[in-house]
Amino acid sequence: MAMPLTHAEIWDALDRLALMRGYSASGLARKAGLDPTTFNRSKRFAPGGKPRWPSTESIARVLEATGASLEEFLGLVTVPTPGGRELHTVPLIGLVQAGNSGYFDDAGFPAGAGWDDIAFPEIGDEHAYALEISGDSMSPVFREGDRVVVSPQAGIRRGDRVVVKTREGEVMAKELARRTARKIELRSLNPDYPDRTLDVADVTWMARIVWASQ
């Protein structure tokens, strides 16, 4: 006899479908014409800890909006995540927003409100986060709408693609060309944009890009 689907399995299937279609949890809800908070992690349990299940109507609207069949959705209940790693979520904001105050602490870790969530396999960095690219300054490597996952605790070497935030609040994604005790040399991903050389004292933090959605 088939075992009934569990609360966790249903929500995991929705997270996997969102990941496969390139949406965050709230993005998937918006795509389906639902309130953007419908699938947020905070909505999956009542204040007393009682599990909240997604309604059959919300699932039906998600399937219609994404073009997924019921069979595909049910297949996601047991499908392994990429690399066999556990699926969880990382916070997501736009690259432009990242330059505003209040989104990161002094160590470059996500902080404050205003973040979205996106499903992603566990990468061993509890402070990992995702940025959505806008504009063409990183083309053709990263295009508008691409999402990159950043690991603040990952080691950085020459040639790595990194996200850098300056003390003036500018946030940029470039390639690390060279780093000395005083200077950080960054190579632009788009040849139409200039390379940058920054004083170490002018950089708030620098973190490595470990995954992109292209």
N, C-alpha and C. Protein backbone atom coordinates (compact mmCIF):
# COMPACT_ATOMS: atom_id res chain seq x y z
N MET A 1 0.84 -1.19 0.00
CA MET A 1 0.00 0.00 0.00
C MET A 1 0.88 1.25 0.00
N ALA A 2 0.56 2.23 -0.84
CA ALA A 2 1.36 3.44 -0.93
C ALA A 2 1.22 4.26 0.34
N MET A 3 2.32 4.81 0.78
CA MET A 3 2.32 5.65 1.97
C MET A 3 1.82 7.05 1.59
N PRO A 4 1.03 7.69 2.49
CA PRO A 4 0.55 9.05 2.19
C PRO A 4 1.71 10.03 2.14
N LEU A 5 1.55 11.07 1.32
CA LEU A 5 2.58 12.10 1.24
C LEU A 5 2.62 12.90 2.53
N THR A 6 3.81 13.27 2.94
CA THR A 6 3.96 14.03 4.17
C THR A 6 3.96 15.53 3.90
N HIS A 7 3.78 16.28 4.95
CA HIS A 7 3.81 17.74 4.88
C HIS A 7 5.13 18.22 4.28
N ALA A 8 6.24 17.68 4.77
CA ALA A 8 7.56 18.09 4.28
C ALA A 8 7.75 17.74 2.81
N GLU A 9 7.26 16.57 2.38
CA GLU A 9 7.43 16.14 1.00
C GLU A 9 6.68 17.05 0.03
N ILE A 10 5.48 17.47 0.39
CA ILE A 10 4.70 18.35 -0.47
C ILE A 10 5.39 19.70 -0.62
N TRP A 11 5.85 20.26 0.50
CA TRP A 11 6.54 21.55 0.42
C TRP A 11 7.86 21.44 -0.32
N ASP A 12 8.58 20.33 -0.12
CA ASP A 12 9.83 20.13 -0.84
C ASP A 12 9.59 20.06 -2.35
N ALA A 13 8.47 19.41 -2.74
CA ALA A 13 8.14 19.32 -4.16
C ALA A 13 7.88 20.70 -4.75
N LEU A 14 7.19 21.56 -4.00
CA LEU A 14 6.95 22.93 -4.47
C LEU A 14 8.26 23.70 -4.57
N ASP A 15 9.16 23.51 -3.60
CA ASP A 15 10.47 24.18 -3.66
C ASP A 15 11.27 23.70 -4.86
N ARG A 16 11.22 22.40 -5.14
CA ARG A 16 11.96 21.86 -6.29
C ARG A 16 11.40 22.38 -7.60
N LEU A 17 10.08 22.47 -7.69
CA LEU A 17 9.46 22.98 -8.90
C LEU A 17 9.85 24.44 -9.11
N ALA A 18 9.86 25.22 -8.03
CA ALA A 18 10.28 26.62 -8.12
C ALA A 18 11.72 26.71 -8.61
N LEU A 19 12.60 25.87 -8.04
CA LEU A 19 14.01 25.87 -8.43
C LEU A 19 14.18 25.52 -9.90
N MET A 20 13.46 24.51 -10.36
CA MET A 20 13.56 24.07 -11.75
C MET A 20 13.08 25.14 -12.73
N ARG A 21 12.08 25.95 -12.31
CA ARG A 21 11.53 26.98 -13.18
C ARG A 21 12.21 28.33 -12.99
N GLY A 22 13.19 28.40 -12.07
CA GLY A 22 13.93 29.63 -11.86
C GLY A 22 13.23 30.66 -11.00
N TYR A 23 12.34 30.21 -10.10
CA TYR A 23 11.61 31.12 -9.24
C TYR A 23 12.01 30.96 -7.78
N SER A 24 11.82 32.02 -7.02
CA SER A 24 11.85 31.92 -5.57
C SER A 24 10.48 31.43 -5.11
N ALA A 25 10.32 31.19 -3.81
CA ALA A 25 9.02 30.75 -3.29
C ALA A 25 7.96 31.81 -3.57
N SER A 26 8.27 33.06 -3.32
CA SER A 26 7.29 34.12 -3.55
C SER A 26 7.10 34.37 -5.05
N GLY A 27 8.17 34.18 -5.83
CA GLY A 27 8.06 34.34 -7.27
C GLY A 27 7.12 33.30 -7.87
N LEU A 28 7.19 32.08 -7.36
CA LEU A 28 6.29 31.02 -7.83
C LEU A 28 4.85 31.36 -7.47
N ALA A 29 4.64 31.88 -6.26
CA ALA A 29 3.29 32.26 -5.85
C ALA A 29 2.75 33.38 -6.74
N ARG A 30 3.58 34.38 -7.03
CA ARG A 30 3.13 35.46 -7.92
C ARG A 30 2.80 34.94 -9.31
N LYS A 31 3.65 34.03 -9.81
CA LYS A 31 3.42 33.45 -11.13
C LYS A 31 2.06 32.76 -11.20
N ALA A 32 1.66 32.17 -10.07
CA ALA A 32 0.39 31.45 -10.01
C ALA A 32 -0.78 32.36 -9.66
N GLY A 33 -0.52 33.66 -9.51
CA GLY A 33 -1.59 34.60 -9.18
C GLY A 33 -2.01 34.57 -7.73
N LEU A 34 -1.12 34.10 -6.86
CA LEU A 34 -1.40 34.01 -5.43
C LEU A 34 -0.70 35.13 -4.68
N ASP A 35 -1.06 35.30 -3.43
CA ASP A 35 -0.35 36.25 -2.58
C ASP A 35 1.13 35.86 -2.53
N PRO A 36 2.05 36.81 -2.69
CA PRO A 36 3.48 36.46 -2.75
C PRO A 36 4.00 35.71 -1.52
N THR A 37 3.32 35.83 -0.39
CA THR A 37 3.79 35.16 0.82
C THR A 37 3.21 33.75 1.01
N THR A 38 2.38 33.31 0.06
CA THR A 38 1.66 32.04 0.22
C THR A 38 2.60 30.87 0.51
N PHE A 39 3.76 30.83 -0.18
CA PHE A 39 4.66 29.68 -0.04
C PHE A 39 5.89 29.98 0.82
N ASN A 40 5.90 31.12 1.50
CA ASN A 40 7.04 31.43 2.36
C ASN A 40 7.19 30.41 3.47
N ARG A 41 8.42 30.20 3.92
CA ARG A 41 8.67 29.20 4.96
C ARG A 41 7.90 29.53 6.23
N SER A 42 7.73 30.81 6.50
CA SER A 42 7.03 31.21 7.72
C SER A 42 5.55 30.85 7.70
N LYS A 43 5.00 30.57 6.51
CA LYS A 43 3.59 30.23 6.39
C LYS A 43 3.34 28.73 6.45
N ARG A 44 4.38 27.94 6.59
CA ARG A 44 4.22 26.49 6.51
C ARG A 44 3.86 25.84 7.84
N PHE A 45 3.91 26.65 8.89
CA PHE A 45 3.50 26.17 10.21
C PHE A 45 2.72 27.29 10.88
N ALA A 46 1.68 26.90 11.64
CA ALA A 46 0.91 27.85 12.42
C ALA A 46 1.74 28.30 13.61
N PRO A 47 1.37 29.42 14.24
CA PRO A 47 2.15 29.91 15.39
C PRO A 47 2.39 28.86 16.47
N GLY A 48 1.46 27.94 16.65
CA GLY A 48 1.63 26.90 17.66
C GLY A 48 2.44 25.71 17.18
N GLY A 49 2.92 25.76 15.92
CA GLY A 49 3.73 24.68 15.38
C GLY A 49 2.95 23.66 14.56
N LYS A 50 1.64 23.84 14.43
CA LYS A 50 0.83 22.90 13.64
C LYS A 50 1.14 23.08 12.16
N PRO A 51 1.40 21.99 11.42
CA PRO A 51 1.73 22.11 10.00
C PRO A 51 0.58 22.71 9.19
N ARG A 52 0.93 23.62 8.28
CA ARG A 52 -0.02 24.15 7.33
C ARG A 52 0.29 23.55 5.97
N TRP A 53 -0.71 22.98 5.32
CA TRP A 53 -0.52 22.35 4.03
C TRP A 53 -0.92 23.31 2.92
N PRO A 54 -0.23 23.26 1.77
CA PRO A 54 -0.69 24.06 0.63
C PRO A 54 -2.03 23.52 0.15
N SER A 55 -2.93 24.40 -0.24
CA SER A 55 -4.25 23.95 -0.68
C SER A 55 -4.16 23.30 -2.06
N THR A 56 -5.14 22.44 -2.34
CA THR A 56 -5.19 21.82 -3.67
C THR A 56 -5.38 22.89 -4.74
N GLU A 57 -6.11 23.96 -4.41
CA GLU A 57 -6.31 25.03 -5.38
C GLU A 57 -4.98 25.72 -5.70
N SER A 58 -4.16 25.99 -4.67
CA SER A 58 -2.89 26.67 -4.92
C SER A 58 -1.96 25.79 -5.73
N ILE A 59 -1.95 24.49 -5.47
CA ILE A 59 -1.11 23.57 -6.25
C ILE A 59 -1.60 23.52 -7.70
N ALA A 60 -2.92 23.47 -7.89
CA ALA A 60 -3.47 23.44 -9.25
C ALA A 60 -3.09 24.70 -10.02
N ARG A 61 -3.12 25.85 -9.35
CA ARG A 61 -2.78 27.10 -10.01
C ARG A 61 -1.28 27.17 -10.35
N VAL A 62 -0.46 26.57 -9.48
CA VAL A 62 0.98 26.51 -9.76
C VAL A 62 1.23 25.64 -10.99
N LEU A 63 0.58 24.48 -11.06
CA LEU A 63 0.77 23.59 -12.20
C LEU A 63 0.33 24.25 -13.50
N GLU A 64 -0.78 24.97 -13.45
CA GLU A 64 -1.26 25.65 -14.66
C GLU A 64 -0.29 26.76 -15.07
N ALA A 65 0.20 27.52 -14.09
CA ALA A 65 1.07 28.65 -14.39
C ALA A 65 2.44 28.22 -14.90
N THR A 66 2.95 27.09 -14.42
CA THR A 66 4.28 26.64 -14.82
C THR A 66 4.26 25.64 -15.96
N GLY A 67 3.07 25.13 -16.28
CA GLY A 67 2.97 24.13 -17.34
C GLY A 67 3.38 22.74 -16.90
N ALA A 68 3.55 22.55 -15.59
CA ALA A 68 3.93 21.23 -15.08
C ALA A 68 2.69 20.35 -14.94
N SER A 69 2.87 19.07 -15.20
CA SER A 69 1.76 18.13 -15.02
C SER A 69 1.72 17.64 -13.58
N LEU A 70 0.59 17.05 -13.20
CA LEU A 70 0.49 16.49 -11.86
C LEU A 70 1.51 15.37 -11.67
N GLU A 71 1.74 14.59 -12.74
CA GLU A 71 2.72 13.50 -12.66
C GLU A 71 4.12 14.05 -12.41
N GLU A 72 4.45 15.18 -13.08
CA GLU A 72 5.76 15.80 -12.87
C GLU A 72 5.89 16.29 -11.43
N PHE A 73 4.83 16.91 -10.92
CA PHE A 73 4.87 17.41 -9.55
C PHE A 73 5.05 16.28 -8.56
N LEU A 74 4.29 15.20 -8.74
CA LEU A 74 4.41 14.06 -7.82
C LEU A 74 5.78 13.41 -7.93
N GLY A 75 6.37 13.47 -9.13
CA GLY A 75 7.70 12.92 -9.29
C GLY A 75 8.74 13.71 -8.53
N LEU A 76 8.46 14.99 -8.28
CA LEU A 76 9.40 15.82 -7.54
C LEU A 76 9.38 15.53 -6.04
N VAL A 77 8.39 14.79 -5.59
CA VAL A 77 8.32 14.45 -4.17
C VAL A 77 9.51 13.61 -3.75
N THR A 78 9.96 12.73 -4.64
CA THR A 78 11.03 11.81 -4.28
C THR A 78 12.29 12.00 -5.11
N VAL A 79 12.29 12.99 -6.03
CA VAL A 79 13.46 13.16 -6.89
C VAL A 79 14.64 13.62 -6.05
N PRO A 80 15.84 13.08 -6.30
CA PRO A 80 17.01 13.56 -5.55
C PRO A 80 17.39 14.97 -5.97
N THR A 81 17.92 15.75 -5.04
CA THR A 81 18.37 17.09 -5.36
C THR A 81 19.72 17.02 -6.04
N PRO A 82 20.14 18.08 -6.76
CA PRO A 82 21.42 18.06 -7.46
C PRO A 82 22.58 17.68 -6.55
N GLY A 83 23.37 16.71 -7.01
CA GLY A 83 24.51 16.28 -6.22
C GLY A 83 24.13 15.45 -5.02
N GLY A 84 22.85 15.09 -4.90
CA GLY A 84 22.41 14.31 -3.76
C GLY A 84 22.35 15.10 -2.47
N ARG A 85 22.44 16.45 -2.56
CA ARG A 85 22.48 17.27 -1.35
C ARG A 85 21.07 17.66 -0.92
N GLU A 86 20.93 17.93 0.35
CA GLU A 86 19.64 18.32 0.90
C GLU A 86 19.22 19.67 0.35
N LEU A 87 17.93 19.79 0.01
CA LEU A 87 17.42 21.05 -0.49
C LEU A 87 16.99 21.93 0.67
N HIS A 88 17.39 23.19 0.66
CA HIS A 88 16.91 24.15 1.65
C HIS A 88 16.74 25.47 0.93
N THR A 89 16.73 26.58 1.62
CA THR A 89 16.55 27.86 0.96
C THR A 89 17.70 28.80 1.33
N VAL A 90 17.97 29.74 0.43
CA VAL A 90 18.92 30.81 0.70
C VAL A 90 18.20 32.12 0.45
N PRO A 91 18.54 33.18 1.19
CA PRO A 91 17.89 34.48 0.97
C PRO A 91 18.29 35.07 -0.38
N LEU A 92 17.38 35.82 -0.98
CA LEU A 92 17.56 36.38 -2.32
C LEU A 92 17.14 37.85 -2.34
N ILE A 93 17.99 38.69 -2.94
CA ILE A 93 17.60 40.07 -3.27
C ILE A 93 18.22 40.41 -4.62
N GLY A 94 17.81 41.55 -5.17
CA GLY A 94 18.40 42.02 -6.42
C GLY A 94 19.76 42.63 -6.17
N LEU A 95 20.61 42.56 -7.18
CA LEU A 95 21.96 43.11 -7.05
C LEU A 95 21.93 44.60 -6.73
N VAL A 96 20.98 45.34 -7.33
CA VAL A 96 20.87 46.77 -7.07
C VAL A 96 20.50 47.02 -5.61
N GLN A 97 19.55 46.23 -5.08
CA GLN A 97 19.16 46.38 -3.68
C GLN A 97 20.34 46.15 -2.74
N ALA A 98 21.23 45.25 -3.13
CA ALA A 98 22.33 44.87 -2.25
C ALA A 98 23.21 46.05 -1.87
N GLY A 99 23.18 47.11 -2.67
CA GLY A 99 23.98 48.28 -2.36
C GLY A 99 23.35 49.17 -1.31
N ASN A 100 22.08 48.94 -0.99
CA ASN A 100 21.40 49.75 0.02
C ASN A 100 21.82 49.31 1.42
N SER A 101 21.73 50.21 2.36
CA SER A 101 22.10 49.87 3.74
C SER A 101 21.05 48.97 4.36
N GLY A 102 21.47 48.14 5.31
CA GLY A 102 20.55 47.30 6.06
C GLY A 102 20.43 45.88 5.59
N TYR A 103 21.01 45.55 4.43
CA TYR A 103 20.88 44.19 3.90
C TYR A 103 22.03 43.27 4.30
N PHE A 104 23.15 43.85 4.74
CA PHE A 104 24.30 43.05 5.14
C PHE A 104 24.88 43.60 6.44
N ASP A 105 25.47 42.69 7.23
CA ASP A 105 26.19 43.16 8.40
C ASP A 105 27.63 43.48 8.00
N ASP A 106 28.46 43.83 8.97
CA ASP A 106 29.82 44.25 8.66
C ASP A 106 30.68 43.13 8.09
N ALA A 107 30.28 41.87 8.33
CA ALA A 107 31.03 40.73 7.82
C ALA A 107 30.60 40.33 6.41
N GLY A 108 29.56 41.00 5.89
CA GLY A 108 29.06 40.65 4.56
C GLY A 108 28.04 39.53 4.59
N PHE A 109 27.46 39.26 5.76
CA PHE A 109 26.43 38.24 5.88
C PHE A 109 25.05 38.88 5.72
N PRO A 110 24.08 38.17 5.12
CA PRO A 110 22.73 38.73 4.96
C PRO A 110 22.14 39.12 6.31
N ALA A 111 21.46 40.26 6.35
CA ALA A 111 20.87 40.74 7.58
C ALA A 111 19.63 41.57 7.24
N GLY A 112 18.78 41.77 8.23
CA GLY A 112 17.62 42.64 8.07
C GLY A 112 16.49 42.00 7.28
N ALA A 113 15.46 42.80 7.05
CA ALA A 113 14.27 42.33 6.34
C ALA A 113 14.38 42.65 4.85
N GLY A 114 13.38 42.23 4.09
CA GLY A 114 13.33 42.55 2.67
C GLY A 114 13.90 41.48 1.77
N TRP A 115 14.43 40.40 2.35
CA TRP A 115 14.97 39.31 1.54
C TRP A 115 13.85 38.36 1.13
N ASP A 116 13.99 37.78 -0.03
CA ASP A 116 13.11 36.71 -0.50
C ASP A 116 13.80 35.39 -0.17
N ASP A 117 13.22 34.27 -0.60
CA ASP A 117 13.85 32.96 -0.43
C ASP A 117 13.86 32.23 -1.76
N ILE A 118 14.91 31.46 -2.01
CA ILE A 118 14.98 30.61 -3.19
C ILE A 118 15.49 29.24 -2.76
N ALA A 119 14.88 28.19 -3.30
CA ALA A 119 15.32 26.83 -2.96
C ALA A 119 16.67 26.54 -3.59
N PHE A 120 17.55 25.90 -2.81
CA PHE A 120 18.89 25.61 -3.31
C PHE A 120 19.50 24.49 -2.47
N PRO A 121 20.30 23.60 -3.10
CA PRO A 121 20.94 22.54 -2.33
C PRO A 121 21.89 23.09 -1.27
N GLU A 122 22.01 22.39 -0.17
CA GLU A 122 22.90 22.78 0.91
C GLU A 122 24.35 22.84 0.41
N ILE A 123 25.04 23.94 0.71
CA ILE A 123 26.43 24.08 0.26
C ILE A 123 27.40 24.23 1.42
N GLY A 124 26.91 24.08 2.64
CA GLY A 124 27.80 24.11 3.79
C GLY A 124 28.17 25.49 4.28
N ASP A 125 27.43 26.52 3.85
CA ASP A 125 27.66 27.87 4.34
C ASP A 125 26.32 28.46 4.75
N GLU A 126 26.09 28.55 6.03
CA GLU A 126 24.80 29.03 6.53
C GLU A 126 24.55 30.49 6.17
N HIS A 127 25.58 31.20 5.75
CA HIS A 127 25.44 32.61 5.40
C HIS A 127 25.32 32.83 3.89
N ALA A 128 25.23 31.77 3.11
CA ALA A 128 25.13 31.90 1.66
C ALA A 128 23.84 32.64 1.29
N TYR A 129 23.88 33.35 0.17
CA TYR A 129 22.71 34.09 -0.29
C TYR A 129 22.75 34.16 -1.81
N ALA A 130 21.64 34.62 -2.40
CA ALA A 130 21.55 34.73 -3.86
C ALA A 130 21.27 36.17 -4.26
N LEU A 131 21.83 36.57 -5.40
CA LEU A 131 21.60 37.89 -5.97
C LEU A 131 21.05 37.73 -7.38
N GLU A 132 20.06 38.54 -7.73
CA GLU A 132 19.51 38.53 -9.08
C GLU A 132 20.16 39.66 -9.88
N ILE A 133 20.76 39.30 -11.01
CA ILE A 133 21.51 40.24 -11.82
C ILE A 133 20.57 41.18 -12.58
N SER A 134 20.97 42.44 -12.66
CA SER A 134 20.24 43.42 -13.49
C SER A 134 21.26 44.20 -14.31
N GLY A 135 20.82 44.68 -15.46
CA GLY A 135 21.72 45.44 -16.32
C GLY A 135 22.63 44.54 -17.15
N ASP A 136 23.54 45.16 -17.91
CA ASP A 136 24.40 44.41 -18.82
C ASP A 136 25.88 44.49 -18.47
N SER A 137 26.21 45.03 -17.30
CA SER A 137 27.62 45.23 -16.97
C SER A 137 28.37 43.91 -16.76
N MET A 138 27.64 42.79 -16.62
CA MET A 138 28.29 41.51 -16.41
C MET A 138 28.09 40.55 -17.59
N SER A 139 27.46 41.04 -18.65
CA SER A 139 27.29 40.21 -19.85
C SER A 139 28.66 40.00 -20.51
N PRO A 140 28.86 38.90 -21.22
CA PRO A 140 27.89 37.81 -21.43
C PRO A 140 27.95 36.72 -20.36
N VAL A 141 28.80 36.89 -19.34
CA VAL A 141 28.93 35.85 -18.31
C VAL A 141 27.64 35.73 -17.51
N PHE A 142 27.16 36.87 -16.98
CA PHE A 142 25.90 36.91 -16.25
C PHE A 142 24.98 37.89 -16.95
N ARG A 143 23.77 37.44 -17.28
CA ARG A 143 22.81 38.29 -17.97
C ARG A 143 21.70 38.71 -17.02
N GLU A 144 20.97 39.75 -17.44
CA GLU A 144 19.87 40.24 -16.61
C GLU A 144 18.89 39.12 -16.32
N GLY A 145 18.53 38.98 -15.04
CA GLY A 145 17.62 37.93 -14.61
C GLY A 145 18.31 36.69 -14.09
N ASP A 146 19.60 36.51 -14.43
CA ASP A 146 20.35 35.38 -13.87
C ASP A 146 20.44 35.53 -12.36
N ARG A 147 20.57 34.41 -11.67
CA ARG A 147 20.76 34.43 -10.22
C ARG A 147 22.09 33.77 -9.89
N VAL A 148 22.83 34.41 -9.02
CA VAL A 148 24.11 33.86 -8.58
C VAL A 148 24.04 33.60 -7.08
N VAL A 149 24.62 32.48 -6.66
CA VAL A 149 24.68 32.17 -5.23
C VAL A 149 26.08 32.50 -4.73
N VAL A 150 26.13 33.24 -3.65
CA VAL A 150 27.38 33.76 -3.10
C VAL A 150 27.64 33.13 -1.74
N SER A 151 28.88 32.70 -1.53
CA SER A 151 29.27 32.09 -0.26
C SER A 151 30.31 32.98 0.43
N PRO A 152 29.90 33.73 1.47
CA PRO A 152 30.84 34.61 2.15
C PRO A 152 32.00 33.88 2.82
N GLN A 153 31.81 32.60 3.14
CA GLN A 153 32.84 31.87 3.87
C GLN A 153 33.74 31.04 2.95
N ALA A 154 33.48 31.07 1.64
CA ALA A 154 34.31 30.32 0.71
C ALA A 154 35.65 31.03 0.50
N GLY A 155 36.72 30.25 0.34
CA GLY A 155 38.02 30.84 0.04
C GLY A 155 38.03 31.48 -1.34
N ILE A 156 38.85 32.51 -1.49
CA ILE A 156 38.90 33.26 -2.76
C ILE A 156 40.32 33.21 -3.31
N ARG A 157 40.41 32.87 -4.60
CA ARG A 157 41.70 32.84 -5.28
C ARG A 157 41.64 33.68 -6.55
N ARG A 158 42.79 33.99 -7.09
CA ARG A 158 42.86 34.73 -8.35
C ARG A 158 42.08 33.98 -9.43
N GLY A 159 41.29 34.71 -10.20
CA GLY A 159 40.49 34.10 -11.26
C GLY A 159 39.08 33.77 -10.83
N ASP A 160 38.79 33.82 -9.52
CA ASP A 160 37.43 33.57 -9.05
C ASP A 160 36.52 34.74 -9.39
N ARG A 161 35.26 34.45 -9.64
CA ARG A 161 34.26 35.50 -9.81
C ARG A 161 33.73 35.86 -8.43
N VAL A 162 33.69 37.14 -8.16
CA VAL A 162 33.38 37.59 -6.81
C VAL A 162 32.36 38.72 -6.84
N VAL A 163 31.72 38.92 -5.69
CA VAL A 163 30.88 40.09 -5.46
C VAL A 163 31.60 40.95 -4.44
N VAL A 164 31.73 42.23 -4.75
CA VAL A 164 32.46 43.16 -3.89
C VAL A 164 31.55 44.31 -3.51
N LYS A 165 31.61 44.70 -2.25
CA LYS A 165 30.88 45.89 -1.80
C LYS A 165 31.87 46.90 -1.26
N THR A 166 31.78 48.13 -1.77
CA THR A 166 32.69 49.19 -1.32
C THR A 166 32.07 49.94 -0.14
N ARG A 167 32.89 50.72 0.51
CA ARG A 167 32.41 51.51 1.65
C ARG A 167 31.42 52.59 1.21
N GLU A 168 31.42 52.93 -0.06
CA GLU A 168 30.45 53.90 -0.58
C GLU A 168 29.12 53.26 -0.92
N GLY A 169 29.01 51.93 -0.76
CA GLY A 169 27.76 51.24 -1.00
C GLY A 169 27.61 50.63 -2.38
N GLU A 170 28.64 50.74 -3.22
CA GLU A 170 28.58 50.14 -4.56
C GLU A 170 28.79 48.63 -4.46
N VAL A 171 27.96 47.87 -5.16
CA VAL A 171 28.09 46.41 -5.21
C VAL A 171 28.32 46.01 -6.65
N MET A 172 29.34 45.20 -6.88
CA MET A 172 29.68 44.80 -8.25
C MET A 172 30.09 43.33 -8.28
N ALA A 173 29.88 42.70 -9.42
CA ALA A 173 30.33 41.32 -9.63
C ALA A 173 31.41 41.36 -10.71
N LYS A 174 32.62 40.89 -10.37
CA LYS A 174 33.74 40.91 -11.29
C LYS A 174 34.63 39.70 -11.04
N GLU A 175 35.72 39.63 -11.77
CA GLU A 175 36.69 38.57 -11.57
C GLU A 175 37.90 39.12 -10.82
N LEU A 176 38.34 38.38 -9.81
CA LEU A 176 39.51 38.82 -9.05
C LEU A 176 40.76 38.58 -9.88
N ALA A 177 41.41 39.68 -10.28
CA ALA A 177 42.63 39.57 -11.08
C ALA A 177 43.88 39.48 -10.21
N ARG A 178 43.89 40.25 -9.11
CA ARG A 178 45.07 40.26 -8.24
C ARG A 178 44.70 40.92 -6.92
N ARG A 179 45.29 40.42 -5.86
CA ARG A 179 45.06 41.03 -4.55
C ARG A 179 46.38 41.13 -3.80
N THR A 180 46.67 42.33 -3.32
CA THR A 180 47.87 42.55 -2.52
C THR A 180 47.44 43.06 -1.15
N ALA A 181 48.39 43.41 -0.33
CA ALA A 181 48.07 43.91 1.01
C ALA A 181 47.35 45.26 0.95
N ARG A 182 47.52 45.98 -0.16
CA ARG A 182 46.94 47.32 -0.26
C ARG A 182 45.89 47.47 -1.35
N LYS A 183 45.96 46.66 -2.40
CA LYS A 183 45.08 46.85 -3.55
C LYS A 183 44.32 45.57 -3.92
N ILE A 184 43.15 45.76 -4.48
CA ILE A 184 42.37 44.66 -5.06
C ILE A 184 42.10 45.03 -6.52
N GLU A 185 42.61 44.22 -7.44
CA GLU A 185 42.42 44.47 -8.86
C GLU A 185 41.31 43.55 -9.38
N LEU A 186 40.32 44.16 -10.01
CA LEU A 186 39.15 43.43 -10.48
C LEU A 186 39.03 43.56 -11.98
N ARG A 187 38.76 42.43 -12.65
CA ARG A 187 38.61 42.41 -14.11
C ARG A 187 37.11 42.38 -14.43
N SER A 188 36.66 43.27 -15.30
CA SER A 188 35.25 43.32 -15.66
C SER A 188 34.87 42.12 -16.52
N LEU A 189 33.68 41.59 -16.28
CA LEU A 189 33.19 40.45 -17.06
C LEU A 189 32.72 40.89 -18.44
N ASN A 190 32.28 42.14 -18.55
CA ASN A 190 31.88 42.71 -19.83
C ASN A 190 33.02 43.60 -20.32
N PRO A 191 33.62 43.29 -21.46
CA PRO A 191 34.77 44.08 -21.93
C PRO A 191 34.42 45.54 -22.24
N ASP A 192 33.14 45.86 -22.33
CA ASP A 192 32.74 47.24 -22.58
C ASP A 192 32.82 48.10 -21.31
N TYR A 193 33.04 47.45 -20.17
CA TYR A 193 33.14 48.18 -18.91
C TYR A 193 34.57 48.11 -18.40
N PRO A 194 35.04 49.18 -17.74
CA PRO A 194 36.44 49.22 -17.31
C PRO A 194 36.73 48.28 -16.15
N ASP A 195 37.98 47.83 -16.08
CA ASP A 195 38.44 47.10 -14.90
C ASP A 195 38.51 48.08 -13.74
N ARG A 196 38.59 47.54 -12.53
CA ARG A 196 38.64 48.40 -11.36
C ARG A 196 39.83 48.01 -10.47
N THR A 197 40.45 49.00 -9.88
CA THR A 197 41.46 48.78 -8.85
C THR A 197 41.03 49.56 -7.61
N LEU A 198 40.86 48.84 -6.51
CA LEU A 198 40.36 49.45 -5.28
C LEU A 198 41.39 49.32 -4.16
N ASP A 199 41.43 50.33 -3.31
CA ASP A 199 42.22 50.21 -2.09
C ASP A 199 41.53 49.22 -1.17
N VAL A 200 42.28 48.36 -0.52
CA VAL A 200 41.71 47.40 0.41
C VAL A 200 40.87 48.12 1.47
N ALA A 201 41.32 49.28 1.90
CA ALA A 201 40.60 50.03 2.93
C ALA A 201 39.24 50.52 2.45
N ASP A 202 39.03 50.57 1.12
CA ASP A 202 37.76 51.04 0.57
C ASP A 202 36.77 49.91 0.31
N VAL A 203 37.16 48.68 0.61
CA VAL A 203 36.30 47.51 0.38
C VAL A 203 35.71 47.04 1.70
N THR A 204 34.38 46.99 1.76
CA THR A 204 33.72 46.50 2.97
C THR A 204 33.82 45.00 3.08
N TRP A 205 33.52 44.31 1.98
CA TRP A 205 33.67 42.86 1.95
C TRP A 205 33.74 42.37 0.50
N MET A 206 34.26 41.15 0.36
CA MET A 206 34.34 40.48 -0.94
C MET A 206 34.01 39.01 -0.73
N ALA A 207 33.16 38.44 -1.56
CA ALA A 207 32.73 37.05 -1.39
C ALA A 207 32.67 36.36 -2.75
N ARG A 208 32.89 35.05 -2.75
CA ARG A 208 32.98 34.30 -4.00
C ARG A 208 31.62 33.82 -4.50
N ILE A 209 31.41 33.93 -5.81
CA ILE A 209 30.23 33.36 -6.46
C ILE A 209 30.49 31.87 -6.66
N VAL A 210 29.61 31.04 -6.13
CA VAL A 210 29.82 29.59 -6.21
C VAL A 210 28.86 28.90 -7.17
N TRP A 211 27.85 29.61 -7.66
CA TRP A 211 26.88 28.99 -8.58
C TRP A 211 26.14 30.08 -9.32
N ALA A 212 25.77 29.82 -10.57
CA ALA A 212 24.96 30.76 -11.35
C ALA A 212 23.89 29.97 -12.10
N SER A 213 22.78 30.64 -12.41
CA SER A 213 21.61 29.96 -12.96
C SER A 213 21.56 29.90 -14.46
N GLN A 214 22.68 30.25 -15.18
CA GLN A 214 22.59 30.27 -16.64
C GLN A 214 22.24 28.89 -17.18
